[in-house]
Amino acid sequence: LRLSCAASGMFFSINAMDWYRQAPGKERELVAVITSSRSTRYVDSVK
């Protein structure tokens, strides 16, 4: 699957963006991050 997220009202290109997820009964967790320079990191379970 592919998820998309369209941003407005901010200077998008200079900002880091993240994806989180929350499963039933669990805390929200950080899944992936991409910085303005396109560096990325992931939670181990999705690498």
All heavy atoms as atom14 arrays in JSON, in Angstrom:
{
  "sequence": "LRLSCAASGMFFSINAMDWYRQAPGKERELVAVITSSRSTRYVDSVK",
  "atom14_mask": [
    [1, 1, 1, 1, 1, 1, 1, 1, 0, 0, 0, 0, 0, 0],
    [1, 1, 1, 1, 1, 1, 1, 1, 1, 1, 1, 0, 0, 0],
    [1, 1, 1, 1, 1, 1, 1, 1, 0, 0, 0, 0, 0, 0],
    [1, 1, 1, 1, 1, 1, 0, 0, 0, 0, 0, 0, 0, 0],
    [1, 1, 1, 1, 1, 1, 0, 0, 0, 0, 0, 0, 0, 0],
    [1, 1, 1, 1, 1, 0, 0, 0, 0, 0, 0, 0, 0, 0],
    [1, 1, 1, 1, 1, 0, 0, 0, 0, 0, 0, 0, 0, 0],
    [1, 1, 1, 1, 1, 1, 0, 0, 0, 0, 0, 0, 0, 0],
    [1, 1, 1, 1, 0, 0, 0, 0, 0, 0, 0, 0, 0, 0],
    [1, 1, 1, 1, 1, 1, 1, 1, 0, 0, 0, 0, 0, 0],
    [1, 1, 1, 1, 1, 1, 1, 1, 1, 1, 1, 0, 0, 0],
    [1, 1, 1, 1, 1, 1, 1, 1, 1, 1, 1, 0, 0, 0],
    [1, 1, 1, 1, 1, 1, 0, 0, 0, 0, 0, 0, 0, 0],
    [1, 1, 1, 1, 1, 1, 1, 1, 0, 0, 0, 0, 0, 0],
    [1, 1, 1, 1, 1, 1, 1, 1, 0, 0, 0, 0, 0, 0],
    [1, 1, 1, 1, 1, 0, 0, 0, 0, 0, 0, 0, 0, 0],
    [1, 1, 1, 1, 1, 1, 1, 1, 0, 0, 0, 0, 0, 0],
    [1, 1, 1, 1, 1, 1, 1, 1, 0, 0, 0, 0, 0, 0],
    [1, 1, 1, 1, 1, 1, 1, 1, 1, 1, 1, 1, 1, 1],
    [1, 1, 1, 1, 1, 1, 1, 1, 1, 1, 1, 1, 0, 0],
    [1, 1, 1, 1, 1, 1, 1, 1, 1, 1, 1, 0, 0, 0],
    [1, 1, 1, 1, 1, 1, 1, 1, 1, 0, 0, 0, 0, 0],
    [1, 1, 1, 1, 1, 0, 0, 0, 0, 0, 0, 0, 0, 0],
    [1, 1, 1, 1, 1, 1, 1, 0, 0, 0, 0, 0, 0, 0],
    [1, 1, 1, 1, 0, 0, 0, 0, 0, 0, 0, 0, 0, 0],
    [1, 1, 1, 1, 1, 1, 1, 1, 1, 0, 0, 0, 0, 0],
    [1, 1, 1, 1, 1, 1, 1, 1, 1, 0, 0, 0, 0, 0],
    [1, 1, 1, 1, 1, 1, 1, 1, 1, 1, 1, 0, 0, 0],
    [1, 1, 1, 1, 1, 1, 1, 1, 1, 0, 0, 0, 0, 0],
    [1, 1, 1, 1, 1, 1, 1, 1, 0, 0, 0, 0, 0, 0],
    [1, 1, 1, 1, 1, 1, 1, 0, 0, 0, 0, 0, 0, 0],
    [1, 1, 1, 1, 1, 0, 0, 0, 0, 0, 0, 0, 0, 0],
    [1, 1, 1, 1, 1, 1, 1, 0, 0, 0, 0, 0, 0, 0],
    [1, 1, 1, 1, 1, 1, 1, 1, 0, 0, 0, 0, 0, 0],
    [1, 1, 1, 1, 1, 1, 1, 0, 0, 0, 0, 0, 0, 0],
    [1, 1, 1, 1, 1, 1, 0, 0, 0, 0, 0, 0, 0, 0],
    [1, 1, 1, 1, 1, 1, 0, 0, 0, 0, 0, 0, 0, 0],
    [1, 1, 1, 1, 1, 1, 1, 1, 1, 1, 1, 0, 0, 0],
    [1, 1, 1, 1, 1, 1, 0, 0, 0, 0, 0, 0, 0, 0],
    [1, 1, 1, 1, 1, 1, 1, 0, 0, 0, 0, 0, 0, 0],
    [1, 1, 1, 1, 1, 1, 1, 1, 1, 1, 1, 0, 0, 0],
    [1, 1, 1, 1, 1, 1, 1, 1, 1, 1, 1, 1, 0, 0],
    [1, 1, 1, 1, 1, 1, 1, 0, 0, 0, 0, 0, 0, 0],
    [1, 1, 1, 1, 1, 1, 1, 1, 0, 0, 0, 0, 0, 0],
    [1, 1, 1, 1, 1, 1, 0, 0, 0, 0, 0, 0, 0, 0],
    [1, 1, 1, 1, 1, 1, 1, 0, 0, 0, 0, 0, 0, 0],
    [1, 1, 1, 1, 1, 1, 1, 1, 1, 0, 0, 0, 0, 0]
  ],
  "atom14_positions": [
    [[0.86, -1.18, 0.0], [0.0, 0.0, 0.0], [0.9, 1.23, 0.0], [2.04, 1.18, 0.47], [-0.9, 0.06, 1.25], [-2.1, -0.87, 1.33], [-2.73, -0.75, 2.72], [-3.13, -0.52, 0.26], [0.0, 0.0, 0.0], [0.0, 0.0, 0.0], [0.0, 0.0, 0.0], [0.0, 0.0, 0.0], [0.0, 0.0, 0.0], [0.0, 0.0, 0.0]],
    [[0.35, 2.33, -0.51], [1.05, 3.6, -0.42], [0.15, 4.65, 0.22], [-0.99, 4.84, -0.2], [1.51, 4.1, -1.79], [2.42, 5.31, -1.67], [2.96, 5.79, -3.0], [2.0, 6.6, -3.73], [2.33, 7.46, -4.69], [3.61, 7.59, -5.04], [1.4, 8.14, -5.32], [0.0, 0.0, 0.0], [0.0, 0.0, 0.0], [0.0, 0.0, 0.0]],
    [[0.69, 5.29, 1.23], [0.01, 6.4, 1.88], [0.59, 7.71, 1.38], [1.8, 7.8, 1.11], [0.18, 6.33, 3.4], [-0.22, 5.02, 4.09], [-0.02, 5.14, 5.59], [-1.64, 4.66, 3.75], [0.0, 0.0, 0.0], [0.0, 0.0, 0.0], [0.0, 0.0, 0.0], [0.0, 0.0, 0.0], [0.0, 0.0, 0.0], [0.0, 0.0, 0.0]],
    [[-0.27, 8.71, 1.27], [0.16, 10.05, 0.86], [-0.31, 11.06, 1.89], [-1.34, 10.85, 2.55], [-0.43, 10.42, -0.5], [-0.05, 9.51, -1.5], [0.0, 0.0, 0.0], [0.0, 0.0, 0.0], [0.0, 0.0, 0.0], [0.0, 0.0, 0.0], [0.0, 0.0, 0.0], [0.0, 0.0, 0.0], [0.0, 0.0, 0.0], [0.0, 0.0, 0.0]],
    [[0.43, 12.13, 2.0], [0.08, 13.21, 2.93], [0.44, 14.53, 2.27], [1.62, 14.82, 2.06], [0.83, 13.04, 4.24], [0.64, 14.42, 5.4], [0.0, 0.0, 0.0], [0.0, 0.0, 0.0], [0.0, 0.0, 0.0], [0.0, 0.0, 0.0], [0.0, 0.0, 0.0], [0.0, 0.0, 0.0], [0.0, 0.0, 0.0], [0.0, 0.0, 0.0]],
    [[-0.57, 15.3, 1.92], [-0.39, 16.59, 1.28], [-0.43, 17.69, 2.32], [-1.39, 17.78, 3.09], [-1.45, 16.81, 0.23], [0.0, 0.0, 0.0], [0.0, 0.0, 0.0], [0.0, 0.0, 0.0], [0.0, 0.0, 0.0], [0.0, 0.0, 0.0], [0.0, 0.0, 0.0], [0.0, 0.0, 0.0], [0.0, 0.0, 0.0], [0.0, 0.0, 0.0]],
    [[0.62, 18.51, 2.34], [0.73, 19.57, 3.34], [0.45, 20.94, 2.73], [0.76, 21.19, 1.56], [2.13, 19.55, 3.95], [0.0, 0.0, 0.0], [0.0, 0.0, 0.0], [0.0, 0.0, 0.0], [0.0, 0.0, 0.0], [0.0, 0.0, 0.0], [0.0, 0.0, 0.0], [0.0, 0.0, 0.0], [0.0, 0.0, 0.0], [0.0, 0.0, 0.0]],
    [[-0.11, 21.8, 3.55], [-0.32, 23.19, 3.15], [-0.15, 24.07, 4.37], [-0.23, 23.6, 5.51], [-1.71, 23.37, 2.52], [-2.71, 23.02, 3.44], [0.0, 0.0, 0.0], [0.0, 0.0, 0.0], [0.0, 0.0, 0.0], [0.0, 0.0, 0.0], [0.0, 0.0, 0.0], [0.0, 0.0, 0.0], [0.0, 0.0, 0.0], [0.0, 0.0, 0.0]],
    [[0.1, 25.36, 4.12], [0.23, 26.31, 5.21], [1.58, 26.32, 5.89], [1.72, 26.86, 6.99], [0.0, 0.0, 0.0], [0.0, 0.0, 0.0], [0.0, 0.0, 0.0], [0.0, 0.0, 0.0], [0.0, 0.0, 0.0], [0.0, 0.0, 0.0], [0.0, 0.0, 0.0], [0.0, 0.0, 0.0], [0.0, 0.0, 0.0], [0.0, 0.0, 0.0]],
    [[2.57, 25.72, 5.27], [3.92, 25.66, 5.82], [4.92, 25.65, 4.67], [4.56, 25.39, 3.53], [4.1, 24.4, 6.68], [3.81, 23.11, 5.92], [3.99, 21.62, 6.91], [5.76, 21.43, 6.85], [0.0, 0.0, 0.0], [0.0, 0.0, 0.0], [0.0, 0.0, 0.0], [0.0, 0.0, 0.0], [0.0, 0.0, 0.0], [0.0, 0.0, 0.0]],
    [[6.19, 25.94, 5.03], [7.25, 25.88, 4.05], [7.74, 24.44, 4.0], [8.68, 24.05, 4.69], [8.36, 26.84, 4.43], [9.31, 27.18, 3.32], [10.23, 28.21, 3.48], [9.33, 26.47, 2.13], [11.12, 28.53, 2.46], [10.22, 26.78, 1.12], [11.12, 27.82, 1.29], [0.0, 0.0, 0.0], [0.0, 0.0, 0.0], [0.0, 0.0, 0.0]],
    [[7.08, 23.65, 3.17], [7.22, 22.2, 3.21], [8.65, 21.73, 3.01], [9.14, 20.86, 3.73], [6.32, 21.58, 2.13], [6.37, 20.09, 2.06], [5.63, 19.31, 2.93], [7.15, 19.45, 1.11], [5.66, 17.93, 2.88], [7.2, 18.07, 1.03], [6.45, 17.3, 1.92], [0.0, 0.0, 0.0], [0.0, 0.0, 0.0], [0.0, 0.0, 0.0]],
    [[9.34, 22.31, 2.04], [10.63, 21.75, 1.62], [11.7, 21.83, 2.7], [12.68, 21.09, 2.65], [11.12, 22.44, 0.36], [11.36, 23.82, 0.61], [0.0, 0.0, 0.0], [0.0, 0.0, 0.0], [0.0, 0.0, 0.0], [0.0, 0.0, 0.0], [0.0, 0.0, 0.0], [0.0, 0.0, 0.0], [0.0, 0.0, 0.0], [0.0, 0.0, 0.0]],
    [[11.53, 22.7, 3.69], [12.57, 22.85, 4.71], [12.23, 22.07, 5.98], [12.99, 22.14, 6.96], [12.8, 24.33, 5.07], [11.58, 24.93, 5.77], [13.19, 25.12, 3.84], [11.84, 26.31, 6.35], [0.0, 0.0, 0.0], [0.0, 0.0, 0.0], [0.0, 0.0, 0.0], [0.0, 0.0, 0.0], [0.0, 0.0, 0.0], [0.0, 0.0, 0.0]],
    [[11.14, 21.34, 5.97], [10.66, 20.71, 7.19], [10.75, 19.19, 7.15], [10.44, 18.57, 6.13], [9.22, 21.12, 7.43], [8.96, 21.44, 8.88], [9.77, 22.09, 9.53], [7.84, 20.97, 9.41], [0.0, 0.0, 0.0], [0.0, 0.0, 0.0], [0.0, 0.0, 0.0], [0.0, 0.0, 0.0], [0.0, 0.0, 0.0], [0.0, 0.0, 0.0]],
    [[11.14, 18.6, 8.26], [11.07, 17.14, 8.39], [9.61, 16.7, 8.47], [8.77, 17.42, 9.0], [11.82, 16.67, 9.63], [0.0, 0.0, 0.0], [0.0, 0.0, 0.0], [0.0, 0.0, 0.0], [0.0, 0.0, 0.0], [0.0, 0.0, 0.0], [0.0, 0.0, 0.0], [0.0, 0.0, 0.0], [0.0, 0.0, 0.0], [0.0, 0.0, 0.0]],
    [[9.36, 15.52, 7.93], [8.02, 14.94, 7.96], [8.11, 13.52, 8.51], [9.11, 12.83, 8.29], [7.42, 14.91, 6.55], [7.28, 16.26, 5.88], [6.07, 17.34, 6.7], [4.55, 16.4, 6.48], [0.0, 0.0, 0.0], [0.0, 0.0, 0.0], [0.0, 0.0, 0.0], [0.0, 0.0, 0.0], [0.0, 0.0, 0.0], [0.0, 0.0, 0.0]],
    [[7.07, 13.12, 9.21], [7.07, 11.81, 9.87], [5.79, 11.04, 9.56], [4.75, 11.63, 9.24], [7.1, 11.98, 11.4], [8.03, 13.05, 11.88], [9.17, 13.11, 11.39], [7.61, 13.83, 12.77], [0.0, 0.0, 0.0], [0.0, 0.0, 0.0], [0.0, 0.0, 0.0], [0.0, 0.0, 0.0], [0.0, 0.0, 0.0], [0.0, 0.0, 0.0]],
    [[5.88, 9.75, 9.73], [4.7, 8.89, 9.79], [4.71, 8.16, 11.14], [5.74, 7.6, 11.53], [4.7, 7.87, 8.66], [4.38, 8.44, 7.32], [5.27, 8.81, 6.35], [3.08, 8.7, 6.79], [4.6, 9.29, 5.26], [3.26, 9.22, 5.5], [1.78, 8.53, 7.27], [2.19, 9.59, 4.69], [0.72, 8.89, 6.47], [0.92, 9.41, 5.19]],
    [[3.57, 8.2, 11.8], [3.35, 7.45, 13.03], [2.24, 6.43, 12.76], [1.49, 6.53, 11.79], [2.87, 8.38, 14.15], [3.93, 9.19, 14.83], [4.51, 10.3, 14.22], [4.35, 8.88, 16.12], [5.47, 11.06, 14.86], [5.31, 9.63, 16.78], [5.87, 10.72, 16.14], [6.81, 11.46, 16.79], [0.0, 0.0, 0.0], [0.0, 0.0, 0.0]],
    [[2.11, 5.48, 13.67], [0.97, 4.57, 13.64], [0.55, 4.21, 15.05], [1.34, 4.27, 15.98], [1.29, 3.31, 12.84], [2.31, 2.39, 13.48], [2.63, 1.22, 12.54], [3.63, 0.32, 13.11], [4.18, -0.69, 12.46], [3.8, -0.95, 11.2], [5.08, -1.45, 13.04], [0.0, 0.0, 0.0], [0.0, 0.0, 0.0], [0.0, 0.0, 0.0]],
    [[-0.73, 3.86, 15.15], [-1.27, 3.43, 16.44], [-2.16, 2.23, 16.23], [-3.19, 2.32, 15.54], [-2.04, 4.56, 17.1], [-2.47, 4.24, 18.51], [-2.91, 5.46, 19.29], [-3.25, 6.49, 18.73], [-2.89, 5.36, 20.61], [0.0, 0.0, 0.0], [0.0, 0.0, 0.0], [0.0, 0.0, 0.0], [0.0, 0.0, 0.0], [0.0, 0.0, 0.0]],
    [[-1.75, 1.13, 16.8], [-2.54, -0.1, 16.74], [-3.5, -0.13, 17.92], [-3.26, 0.52, 18.94], [-1.61, -1.3, 16.77], [0.0, 0.0, 0.0], [0.0, 0.0, 0.0], [0.0, 0.0, 0.0], [0.0, 0.0, 0.0], [0.0, 0.0, 0.0], [0.0, 0.0, 0.0], [0.0, 0.0, 0.0], [0.0, 0.0, 0.0], [0.0, 0.0, 0.0]],
    [[-4.58, -0.9, 17.81], [-5.55, -0.98, 18.9], [-4.88, -1.4, 20.21], [-4.13, -2.38, 20.25], [-6.54, -2.03, 18.41], [-6.44, -1.99, 16.93], [-5.01, -1.69, 16.63], [0.0, 0.0, 0.0], [0.0, 0.0, 0.0], [0.0, 0.0, 0.0], [0.0, 0.0, 0.0], [0.0, 0.0, 0.0], [0.0, 0.0, 0.0], [0.0, 0.0, 0.0]],
    [[-5.13, -0.64, 21.25], [-4.6, -0.97, 22.56], [-3.13, -0.66, 22.77], [-2.56, -1.01, 23.8], [0.0, 0.0, 0.0], [0.0, 0.0, 0.0], [0.0, 0.0, 0.0], [0.0, 0.0, 0.0], [0.0, 0.0, 0.0], [0.0, 0.0, 0.0], [0.0, 0.0, 0.0], [0.0, 0.0, 0.0], [0.0, 0.0, 0.0], [0.0, 0.0, 0.0]],
    [[-2.52, -0.01, 21.77], [-1.09, 0.3, 21.87], [-0.85, 1.8, 21.76], [-1.7, 2.53, 21.27], [-0.3, -0.44, 20.78], [-0.32, -1.95, 20.92], [0.61, -2.61, 19.92], [0.64, -4.11, 20.11], [1.58, -4.76, 19.15], [0.0, 0.0, 0.0], [0.0, 0.0, 0.0], [0.0, 0.0, 0.0], [0.0, 0.0, 0.0], [0.0, 0.0, 0.0]],
    [[0.32, 2.21, 22.19], [0.68, 3.62, 22.07], [1.07, 3.95, 20.62], [1.5, 3.08, 19.87], [1.84, 3.95, 23.02], [1.48, 3.85, 24.48], [2.57, 4.38, 25.38], [3.65, 4.73, 24.87], [2.36, 4.43, 26.6], [0.0, 0.0, 0.0], [0.0, 0.0, 0.0], [0.0, 0.0, 0.0], [0.0, 0.0, 0.0], [0.0, 0.0, 0.0]],
    [[0.91, 5.22, 20.31], [1.32, 5.67, 18.99], [2.84, 5.57, 18.89], [3.56, 5.96, 19.81], [0.86, 7.12, 18.77], [0.93, 7.6, 17.36], [0.26, 8.95, 17.2], [-1.18, 8.87, 17.44], [-2.03, 9.86, 17.17], [-1.57, 11.01, 16.66], [-3.31, 9.72, 17.42], [0.0, 0.0, 0.0], [0.0, 0.0, 0.0], [0.0, 0.0, 0.0]],
    [[3.34, 5.04, 17.75], [4.77, 4.89, 17.58], [5.24, 5.56, 16.29], [4.51, 5.59, 15.28], [5.19, 3.41, 17.57], [4.76, 2.62, 16.36], [5.42, 1.25, 16.26], [6.41, 0.98, 16.98], [4.95, 0.44, 15.42], [0.0, 0.0, 0.0], [0.0, 0.0, 0.0], [0.0, 0.0, 0.0], [0.0, 0.0, 0.0], [0.0, 0.0, 0.0]],
    [[6.46, 6.06, 16.34], [7.07, 6.68, 15.17], [7.53, 5.57, 14.22], [8.27, 4.67, 14.62], [8.26, 7.54, 15.6], [9.05, 8.23, 14.49], [8.18, 9.2, 13.72], [10.24, 8.96, 15.1], [0.0, 0.0, 0.0], [0.0, 0.0, 0.0], [0.0, 0.0, 0.0], [0.0, 0.0, 0.0], [0.0, 0.0, 0.0], [0.0, 0.0, 0.0]],
    [[7.1, 5.66, 12.98], [7.41, 4.63, 11.99], [8.57, 5.06, 11.09], [9.48, 4.28, 10.83], [6.17, 4.33, 11.13], [6.5, 3.35, 10.01], [5.04, 3.8, 12.0], [0.0, 0.0, 0.0], [0.0, 0.0, 0.0], [0.0, 0.0, 0.0], [0.0, 0.0, 0.0], [0.0, 0.0, 0.0], [0.0, 0.0, 0.0], [0.0, 0.0, 0.0]],
    [[8.51, 6.28, 10.59], [9.52, 6.73, 9.63], [9.62, 8.25, 9.65], [8.64, 8.94, 9.93], [9.18, 6.26, 8.22], [0.0, 0.0, 0.0], [0.0, 0.0, 0.0], [0.0, 0.0, 0.0], [0.0, 0.0, 0.0], [0.0, 0.0, 0.0], [0.0, 0.0, 0.0], [0.0, 0.0, 0.0], [0.0, 0.0, 0.0], [0.0, 0.0, 0.0]],
    [[10.83, 8.72, 9.36], [11.11, 10.15, 9.31], [11.89, 10.46, 8.04], [12.75, 9.68, 7.64], [11.97, 10.59, 10.52], [12.31, 12.08, 10.43], [11.28, 10.27, 11.82], [0.0, 0.0, 0.0], [0.0, 0.0, 0.0], [0.0, 0.0, 0.0], [0.0, 0.0, 0.0], [0.0, 0.0, 0.0], [0.0, 0.0, 0.0], [0.0, 0.0, 0.0]],
    [[11.59, 11.6, 7.42], [12.4, 12.09, 6.33], [12.69, 13.56, 6.6], [11.8, 14.34, 6.88], [11.73, 11.88, 4.95], [12.67, 12.3, 3.83], [10.38, 12.6, 4.85], [12.23, 11.8, 2.45], [0.0, 0.0, 0.0], [0.0, 0.0, 0.0], [0.0, 0.0, 0.0], [0.0, 0.0, 0.0], [0.0, 0.0, 0.0], [0.0, 0.0, 0.0]],
    [[13.96, 13.91, 6.53], [14.36, 15.29, 6.8], [14.28, 16.13, 5.53], [14.02, 15.62, 4.43], [15.79, 15.33, 7.35], [16.7, 14.95, 6.31], [15.94, 14.4, 8.55], [0.0, 0.0, 0.0], [0.0, 0.0, 0.0], [0.0, 0.0, 0.0], [0.0, 0.0, 0.0], [0.0, 0.0, 0.0], [0.0, 0.0, 0.0], [0.0, 0.0, 0.0]],
    [[14.58, 17.42, 5.67], [14.59, 18.3, 4.52], [15.66, 17.9, 3.51], [15.52, 18.14, 2.31], [14.79, 19.75, 4.95], [16.0, 19.88, 5.66], [0.0, 0.0, 0.0], [0.0, 0.0, 0.0], [0.0, 0.0, 0.0], [0.0, 0.0, 0.0], [0.0, 0.0, 0.0], [0.0, 0.0, 0.0], [0.0, 0.0, 0.0], [0.0, 0.0, 0.0]],
    [[16.74, 17.29, 3.99], [17.82, 16.83, 3.11], [17.59, 15.4, 2.62], [18.48, 14.81, 2.02], [19.17, 16.92, 3.83], [19.17, 16.1, 4.98], [0.0, 0.0, 0.0], [0.0, 0.0, 0.0], [0.0, 0.0, 0.0], [0.0, 0.0, 0.0], [0.0, 0.0, 0.0], [0.0, 0.0, 0.0], [0.0, 0.0, 0.0], [0.0, 0.0, 0.0]],
    [[16.4, 14.87, 2.92], [15.97, 13.54, 2.47], [16.68, 12.4, 3.2], [16.65, 11.26, 2.73], [16.07, 13.36, 0.97], [15.24, 14.38, 0.2], [15.37, 14.23, -1.31], [14.72, 15.32, -2.01], [13.46, 15.34, -2.36], [12.67, 14.31, -2.11], [12.95, 16.39, -3.0], [0.0, 0.0, 0.0], [0.0, 0.0, 0.0], [0.0, 0.0, 0.0]],
    [[17.3, 12.7, 4.33], [17.77, 11.6, 5.18], [16.55, 10.9, 5.76], [15.55, 11.56, 6.09], [18.64, 12.14, 6.31], [19.82, 12.7, 5.81], [0.0, 0.0, 0.0], [0.0, 0.0, 0.0], [0.0, 0.0, 0.0], [0.0, 0.0, 0.0], [0.0, 0.0, 0.0], [0.0, 0.0, 0.0], [0.0, 0.0, 0.0], [0.0, 0.0, 0.0]],
    [[16.65, 9.6, 5.92], [15.51, 8.84, 6.42], [15.93, 7.93, 7.58], [17.12, 7.55, 7.69], [14.9, 7.96, 5.32], [15.9, 7.05, 4.83], [14.38, 8.8, 4.17], [0.0, 0.0, 0.0], [0.0, 0.0, 0.0], [0.0, 0.0, 0.0], [0.0, 0.0, 0.0], [0.0, 0.0, 0.0], [0.0, 0.0, 0.0], [0.0, 0.0, 0.0]],
    [[14.98, 7.62, 8.41], [15.18, 6.59, 9.42], [13.85, 5.92, 9.7], [12.79, 6.5, 9.48], [15.82, 7.13, 10.7], [15.03, 8.16, 11.45], [15.8, 8.6, 12.69], [15.02, 9.48, 13.55], [15.02, 10.79, 13.45], [15.75, 11.37, 12.53], [14.3, 11.51, 14.29], [0.0, 0.0, 0.0], [0.0, 0.0, 0.0], [0.0, 0.0, 0.0]],
    [[13.96, 4.68, 10.18], [12.79, 3.84, 10.36], [12.85, 3.1, 11.68], [13.93, 2.79, 12.2], [12.73, 2.79, 9.22], [12.69, 3.38, 7.84], [13.86, 3.65, 7.14], [11.47, 3.66, 7.23], [13.83, 4.2, 5.86], [11.42, 4.2, 5.95], [12.61, 4.46, 5.28], [12.57, 5.01, 4.02], [0.0, 0.0, 0.0], [0.0, 0.0, 0.0]],
    [[11.67, 2.77, 12.19], [11.61, 1.86, 13.32], [12.07, 0.49, 12.82], [11.86, 0.13, 11.65], [10.16, 1.82, 13.89], [9.19, 1.2, 12.91], [10.15, 1.1, 15.23], [0.0, 0.0, 0.0], [0.0, 0.0, 0.0], [0.0, 0.0, 0.0], [0.0, 0.0, 0.0], [0.0, 0.0, 0.0], [0.0, 0.0, 0.0], [0.0, 0.0, 0.0]],
    [[12.71, -0.27, 13.68], [13.32, -1.53, 13.26], [12.32, -2.48, 12.6], [12.65, -3.2, 11.66], [13.97, -2.23, 14.46], [15.27, -1.59, 14.88], [15.81, -0.77, 14.11], [15.75, -1.91, 15.98], [0.0, 0.0, 0.0], [0.0, 0.0, 0.0], [0.0, 0.0, 0.0], [0.0, 0.0, 0.0], [0.0, 0.0, 0.0], [0.0, 0.0, 0.0]],
    [[11.1, -2.47, 13.08], [10.11, -3.45, 12.6], [9.7, -3.24, 11.14], [9.1, -4.14, 10.55], [8.87, -3.4, 13.5], [8.3, -2.12, 13.49], [0.0, 0.0, 0.0], [0.0, 0.0, 0.0], [0.0, 0.0, 0.0], [0.0, 0.0, 0.0], [0.0, 0.0, 0.0], [0.0, 0.0, 0.0], [0.0, 0.0, 0.0], [0.0, 0.0, 0.0]],
    [[10.01, -2.08, 10.56], [9.62, -1.84, 9.16], [10.81, -1.67, 8.24], [10.63, -1.51, 7.02], [8.68, -0.61, 9.04], [7.51, -0.72, 10.0], [9.43, 0.7, 9.23], [0.0, 0.0, 0.0], [0.0, 0.0, 0.0], [0.0, 0.0, 0.0], [0.0, 0.0, 0.0], [0.0, 0.0, 0.0], [0.0, 0.0, 0.0], [0.0, 0.0, 0.0]],
    [[12.0, -1.71, 8.77], [13.19, -1.53, 7.93], [13.24, -2.58, 6.82], [13.02, -3.76, 7.07], [14.45, -1.6, 8.78], [14.71, -0.37, 9.61], [15.99, -0.52, 10.44], [16.24, 0.73, 11.28], [17.44, 0.57, 12.14], [0.0, 0.0, 0.0], [0.0, 0.0, 0.0], [0.0, 0.0, 0.0], [0.0, 0.0, 0.0], [0.0, 0.0, 0.0]]
  ]
}
